[in-house]
Amino acid sequence: MTIVAAITSKFDEPLYPTEVLIKVPEGGLTINSVALLNHIRSIDTPPTNQTTR
């Protein structure tokens, strides 16, 4: 399972408690952005083909 959150570069300050500022260059972003934690989703991911030893 993977957890994802929406990210936008269009935001106003002050931020809401459910918004987290992500400053450049964090995460490879080229513009300051905000993670919208009220839009968190979980998605299924296929199992990997790795074997454990």
PDB file of N, CA and C in Angstrom:
ATOM      1  N   MET A   1       0.839  -1.165   0.000  1.00  0.00           N
ATOM      2  CA  MET A   1       0.000   0.000   0.000  1.00  0.00           C
ATOM      3  C   MET A   1       0.893   1.240   0.000  1.00  0.00           C
ATOM      4  N   THR A   2       0.486   2.247  -0.749  1.00  0.00           N
ATOM      5  CA  THR A   2       1.198   3.517  -0.823  1.00  0.00           C
ATOM      6  C   THR A   2       0.250   4.631  -0.407  1.00  0.00           C
ATOM      7  N   ILE A   3       0.751   5.571   0.374  1.00  0.00           N
ATOM      8  CA  ILE A   3      -0.061   6.709   0.796  1.00  0.00           C
ATOM      9  C   ILE A   3       0.384   7.925  -0.001  1.00  0.00           C
ATOM     10  N   VAL A   4      -0.575   8.638  -0.606  1.00  0.00           N
ATOM     11  CA  VAL A   4      -0.268   9.809  -1.431  1.00  0.00           C
ATOM     12  C   VAL A   4      -1.066  11.012  -0.924  1.00  0.00           C
ATOM     13  N   ALA A   5      -0.532  12.201  -1.170  1.00  0.00           N
ATOM     14  CA  ALA A   5      -1.225  13.446  -0.811  1.00  0.00           C
ATOM     15  C   ALA A   5      -1.142  14.391  -1.994  1.00  0.00           C
ATOM     16  N   ALA A   6      -2.182  15.186  -2.178  1.00  0.00           N
ATOM     17  CA  ALA A   6      -2.191  16.188  -3.239  1.00  0.00           C
ATOM     18  C   ALA A   6      -1.194  17.290  -2.897  1.00  0.00           C
ATOM     19  N   ILE A   7      -0.516  17.810  -3.935  1.00  0.00           N
ATOM     20  CA  ILE A   7       0.431  18.912  -3.770  1.00  0.00           C
ATOM     21  C   ILE A   7       0.057  20.002  -4.753  1.00  0.00           C
ATOM     22  N   THR A   8       0.082  21.260  -4.287  1.00  0.00           N
ATOM     23  CA  THR A   8      -0.237  22.389  -5.154  1.00  0.00           C
ATOM     24  C   THR A   8       0.749  23.529  -4.926  1.00  0.00           C
ATOM     25  N   SER A   9       0.965  24.325  -5.964  1.00  0.00           N
ATOM     26  CA  SER A   9       1.804  25.515  -5.826  1.00  0.00           C
ATOM     27  C   SER A   9       0.945  26.766  -5.653  1.00  0.00           C
ATOM     28  N   LYS A  10      -0.368  26.607  -5.682  1.00  0.00           N
ATOM     29  CA  LYS A  10      -1.290  27.745  -5.520  1.00  0.00           C
ATOM     30  C   LYS A  10      -1.867  27.707  -4.104  1.00  0.00           C
ATOM     31  N   PHE A  11      -1.377  28.603  -3.246  1.00  0.00           N
ATOM     32  CA  PHE A  11      -1.828  28.623  -1.858  1.00  0.00           C
ATOM     33  C   PHE A  11      -1.725  30.034  -1.300  1.00  0.00           C
ATOM     34  N   ASP A  12      -2.467  30.270  -0.237  1.00  0.00           N
ATOM     35  CA  ASP A  12      -2.438  31.542   0.480  1.00  0.00           C
ATOM     36  C   ASP A  12      -1.900  31.303   1.879  1.00  0.00           C
ATOM     37  N   GLU A  13      -1.248  32.325   2.412  1.00  0.00           N
ATOM     38  CA  GLU A  13      -0.802  32.237   3.798  1.00  0.00           C
ATOM     39  C   GLU A  13      -1.721  33.089   4.640  1.00  0.00           C
ATOM     40  N   PRO A  14      -2.014  32.780   5.872  1.00  0.00           N
ATOM     41  CA  PRO A  14      -1.469  31.638   6.599  1.00  0.00           C
ATOM     42  C   PRO A  14      -2.080  30.323   6.125  1.00  0.00           C
ATOM     43  N   LEU A  15      -1.319  29.263   6.313  1.00  0.00           N
ATOM     44  CA  LEU A  15      -1.771  27.939   5.906  1.00  0.00           C
ATOM     45  C   LEU A  15      -2.771  27.385   6.912  1.00  0.00           C
ATOM     46  N   TYR A  16      -3.635  26.515   6.437  1.00  0.00           N
ATOM     47  CA  TYR A  16      -4.549  25.799   7.327  1.00  0.00           C
ATOM     48  C   TYR A  16      -3.764  24.717   8.069  1.00  0.00           C
ATOM     49  N   PRO A  17      -4.277  24.226   9.196  1.00  0.00           N
ATOM     50  CA  PRO A  17      -3.570  23.186   9.955  1.00  0.00           C
ATOM     51  C   PRO A  17      -3.348  21.895   9.158  1.00  0.00           C
ATOM     52  N   THR A  18      -4.130  21.674   8.114  1.00  0.00           N
ATOM     53  CA  THR A  18      -3.988  20.453   7.311  1.00  0.00           C
ATOM     54  C   THR A  18      -3.083  20.659   6.102  1.00  0.00           C
ATOM     55  N   GLU A  19      -2.385  21.799   6.032  1.00  0.00           N
ATOM     56  CA  GLU A  19      -1.490  22.090   4.914  1.00  0.00           C
ATOM     57  C   GLU A  19      -0.053  22.187   5.414  1.00  0.00           C
ATOM     58  N   VAL A  20       0.878  21.624   4.636  1.00  0.00           N
ATOM     59  CA  VAL A  20       2.291  21.633   5.011  1.00  0.00           C
ATOM     60  C   VAL A  20       3.092  22.262   3.884  1.00  0.00           C
ATOM     61  N   LEU A  21       3.856  23.314   4.205  1.00  0.00           N
ATOM     62  CA  LEU A  21       4.683  23.993   3.215  1.00  0.00           C
ATOM     63  C   LEU A  21       5.883  23.129   2.852  1.00  0.00           C
ATOM     64  N   ILE A  22       6.132  22.983   1.561  1.00  0.00           N
ATOM     65  CA  ILE A  22       7.304  22.259   1.061  1.00  0.00           C
ATOM     66  C   ILE A  22       8.133  23.273   0.292  1.00  0.00           C
ATOM     67  N   LYS A  23       9.294  23.638   0.843  1.00  0.00           N
ATOM     68  CA  LYS A  23      10.135  24.664   0.230  1.00  0.00           C
ATOM     69  C   LYS A  23      11.091  24.048  -0.783  1.00  0.00           C
ATOM     70  N   VAL A  24      11.408  24.830  -1.815  1.00  0.00           N
ATOM     71  CA  VAL A  24      12.397  24.439  -2.822  1.00  0.00           C
ATOM     72  C   VAL A  24      13.728  24.239  -2.120  1.00  0.00           C
ATOM     73  N   PRO A  25      14.537  23.264  -2.393  1.00  0.00           N
ATOM     74  CA  PRO A  25      14.447  22.215  -3.405  1.00  0.00           C
ATOM     75  C   PRO A  25      13.951  20.897  -2.834  1.00  0.00           C
ATOM     76  N   GLU A  26      13.299  20.927  -1.685  1.00  0.00           N
ATOM     77  CA  GLU A  26      12.821  19.696  -1.036  1.00  0.00           C
ATOM     78  C   GLU A  26      11.998  18.853  -2.001  1.00  0.00           C
ATOM     79  N   GLY A  27      12.318  17.599  -2.083  1.00  0.00           N
ATOM     80  CA  GLY A  27      11.568  16.681  -2.935  1.00  0.00           C
ATOM     81  C   GLY A  27      11.751  16.926  -4.419  1.00  0.00           C
ATOM     82  N   GLY A  28      12.750  17.730  -4.788  1.00  0.00           N
ATOM     83  CA  GLY A  28      12.991  18.003  -6.203  1.00  0.00           C
ATOM     84  C   GLY A  28      12.055  19.043  -6.796  1.00  0.00           C
ATOM     85  N   LEU A  29      11.314  19.756  -5.944  1.00  0.00           N
ATOM     86  CA  LEU A  29      10.387  20.766  -6.453  1.00  0.00           C
ATOM     87  C   LEU A  29      11.145  21.995  -6.939  1.00  0.00           C
ATOM     88  N   THR A  30      10.566  22.697  -7.908  1.00  0.00           N
ATOM     89  CA  THR A  30      11.190  23.906  -8.443  1.00  0.00           C
ATOM     90  C   THR A  30      10.448  25.167  -8.008  1.00  0.00           C
ATOM     91  N   ILE A  31       9.341  25.016  -7.296  1.00  0.00           N
ATOM     92  CA  ILE A  31       8.567  26.145  -6.781  1.00  0.00           C
ATOM     93  C   ILE A  31       7.993  25.740  -5.425  1.00  0.00           C
ATOM     94  N   ASN A  32       7.960  26.692  -4.482  1.00  0.00           N
ATOM     95  CA  ASN A  32       7.379  26.384  -3.170  1.00  0.00           C
ATOM     96  C   ASN A  32       5.962  25.865  -3.358  1.00  0.00           C
ATOM     97  N   SER A  33       5.630  24.826  -2.619  1.00  0.00           N
ATOM     98  CA  SER A  33       4.332  24.177  -2.775  1.00  0.00           C
ATOM     99  C   SER A  33       3.769  23.808  -1.414  1.00  0.00           C
ATOM    100  N   VAL A  34       2.531  23.334  -1.420  1.00  0.00           N
ATOM    101  CA  VAL A  34       1.858  22.929  -0.190  1.00  0.00           C
ATOM    102  C   VAL A  34       1.284  21.534  -0.379  1.00  0.00           C
ATOM    103  N   ALA A  35       1.539  20.654   0.596  1.00  0.00           N
ATOM    104  CA  ALA A  35       0.901  19.337   0.616  1.00  0.00           C
ATOM    105  C   ALA A  35      -0.438  19.491   1.314  1.00  0.00           C
ATOM    106  N   LEU A  36      -1.490  19.026   0.649  1.00  0.00           N
ATOM    107  CA  LEU A  36      -2.849  19.138   1.181  1.00  0.00           C
ATOM    108  C   LEU A  36      -3.199  17.837   1.906  1.00  0.00           C
ATOM    109  N   LEU A  37      -2.969  17.819   3.204  1.00  0.00           N
ATOM    110  CA  LEU A  37      -3.134  16.588   3.970  1.00  0.00           C
ATOM    111  C   LEU A  37      -4.587  16.213   4.194  1.00  0.00           C
ATOM    112  N   ASN A  38      -5.508  17.102   3.844  1.00  0.00           N
ATOM    113  CA  ASN A  38      -6.918  16.730   3.893  1.00  0.00           C
ATOM    114  C   ASN A  38      -7.316  15.969   2.630  1.00  0.00           C
ATOM    115  N   HIS A  39      -6.346  15.752   1.735  1.00  0.00           N
ATOM    116  CA  HIS A  39      -6.578  14.978   0.511  1.00  0.00           C
ATOM    117  C   HIS A  39      -5.678  13.746   0.455  1.00  0.00           C
ATOM    118  N   ILE A  40      -5.405  13.144   1.603  1.00  0.00           N
ATOM    119  CA  ILE A  40      -4.585  11.929   1.649  1.00  0.00           C
ATOM    120  C   ILE A  40      -5.411  10.746   1.147  1.00  0.00           C
ATOM    121  N   ARG A  41      -4.768   9.911   0.347  1.00  0.00           N
ATOM    122  CA  ARG A  41      -5.405   8.693  -0.158  1.00  0.00           C
ATOM    123  C   ARG A  41      -4.409   7.548  -0.039  1.00  0.00           C
ATOM    124  N   SER A  42      -4.925   6.342   0.058  1.00  0.00           N
ATOM    125  CA  SER A  42      -4.065   5.160   0.014  1.00  0.00           C
ATOM    126  C   SER A  42      -4.426   4.381  -1.242  1.00  0.00           C
ATOM    127  N   ILE A  43      -3.393   3.869  -1.894  1.00  0.00           N
ATOM    128  CA  ILE A  43      -3.605   3.091  -3.111  1.00  0.00           C
ATOM    129  C   ILE A  43      -2.891   1.759  -2.977  1.00  0.00           C
ATOM    130  N   ASP A  44      -3.475   0.738  -3.565  1.00  0.00           N
ATOM    131  CA  ASP A  44      -2.839  -0.575  -3.562  1.00  0.00           C
ATOM    132  C   ASP A  44      -1.688  -0.571  -4.548  1.00  0.00           C
ATOM    133  N   THR A  45      -0.611  -1.233  -4.171  1.00  0.00           N
ATOM    134  CA  THR A  45       0.513  -1.402  -5.080  1.00  0.00           C
ATOM    135  C   THR A  45       0.727  -2.889  -5.274  1.00  0.00           C
ATOM    136  N   PRO A  46       1.080  -3.283  -6.488  1.00  0.00           N
ATOM    137  CA  PRO A  46       1.288  -4.715  -6.722  1.00  0.00           C
ATOM    138  C   PRO A  46       2.493  -5.224  -5.944  1.00  0.00           C
ATOM    139  N   PRO A  47       2.463  -6.476  -5.543  1.00  0.00           N
ATOM    140  CA  PRO A  47       3.620  -7.045  -4.841  1.00  0.00           C
ATOM    141  C   PRO A  47       4.842  -7.064  -5.751  1.00  0.00           C
ATOM    142  N   THR A  48       5.999  -6.906  -5.153  1.00  0.00           N
ATOM    143  CA  THR A  48       7.233  -6.957  -5.939  1.00  0.00           C
ATOM    144  C   THR A  48       7.641  -8.404  -6.168  1.00  0.00           C
ATOM    145  N   ASN A  49       8.501  -8.604  -7.118  1.00  0.00           N
ATOM    146  CA  ASN A  49       8.984  -9.949  -7.440  1.00  0.00           C
ATOM    147  C   ASN A  49      10.292 -10.261  -6.731  1.00  0.00           C
ATOM    148  N   GLN A  50      10.569  -9.568  -5.639  1.00  0.00           N
ATOM    149  CA  GLN A  50      11.801  -9.797  -4.904  1.00  0.00           C
ATOM    150  C   GLN A  50      11.657 -11.026  -4.018  1.00  0.00           C
ATOM    151  N   THR A  51      12.740 -11.772  -3.914  1.00  0.00           N
ATOM    152  CA  THR A  51      12.742 -12.931  -3.022  1.00  0.00           C
ATOM    153  C   THR A  51      13.613 -12.606  -1.819  1.00  0.00           C
ATOM    154  N   THR A  52      13.236 -13.106  -0.669  1.00  0.00           N
ATOM    155  CA  THR A  52      14.033 -12.892   0.536  1.00  0.00           C
ATOM    156  C   THR A  52      14.905 -14.111   0.761  1.00  0.00           C
ATOM    157  N   ARG A  53      16.068 -13.883   1.294  1.00  0.00           N
ATOM    158  CA  ARG A  53      17.002 -14.987   1.548  1.00  0.00           C
ATOM    159  C   ARG A  53      17.268 -15.117   3.007  1.00  0.00           C
TER     160      ARG A  53
END
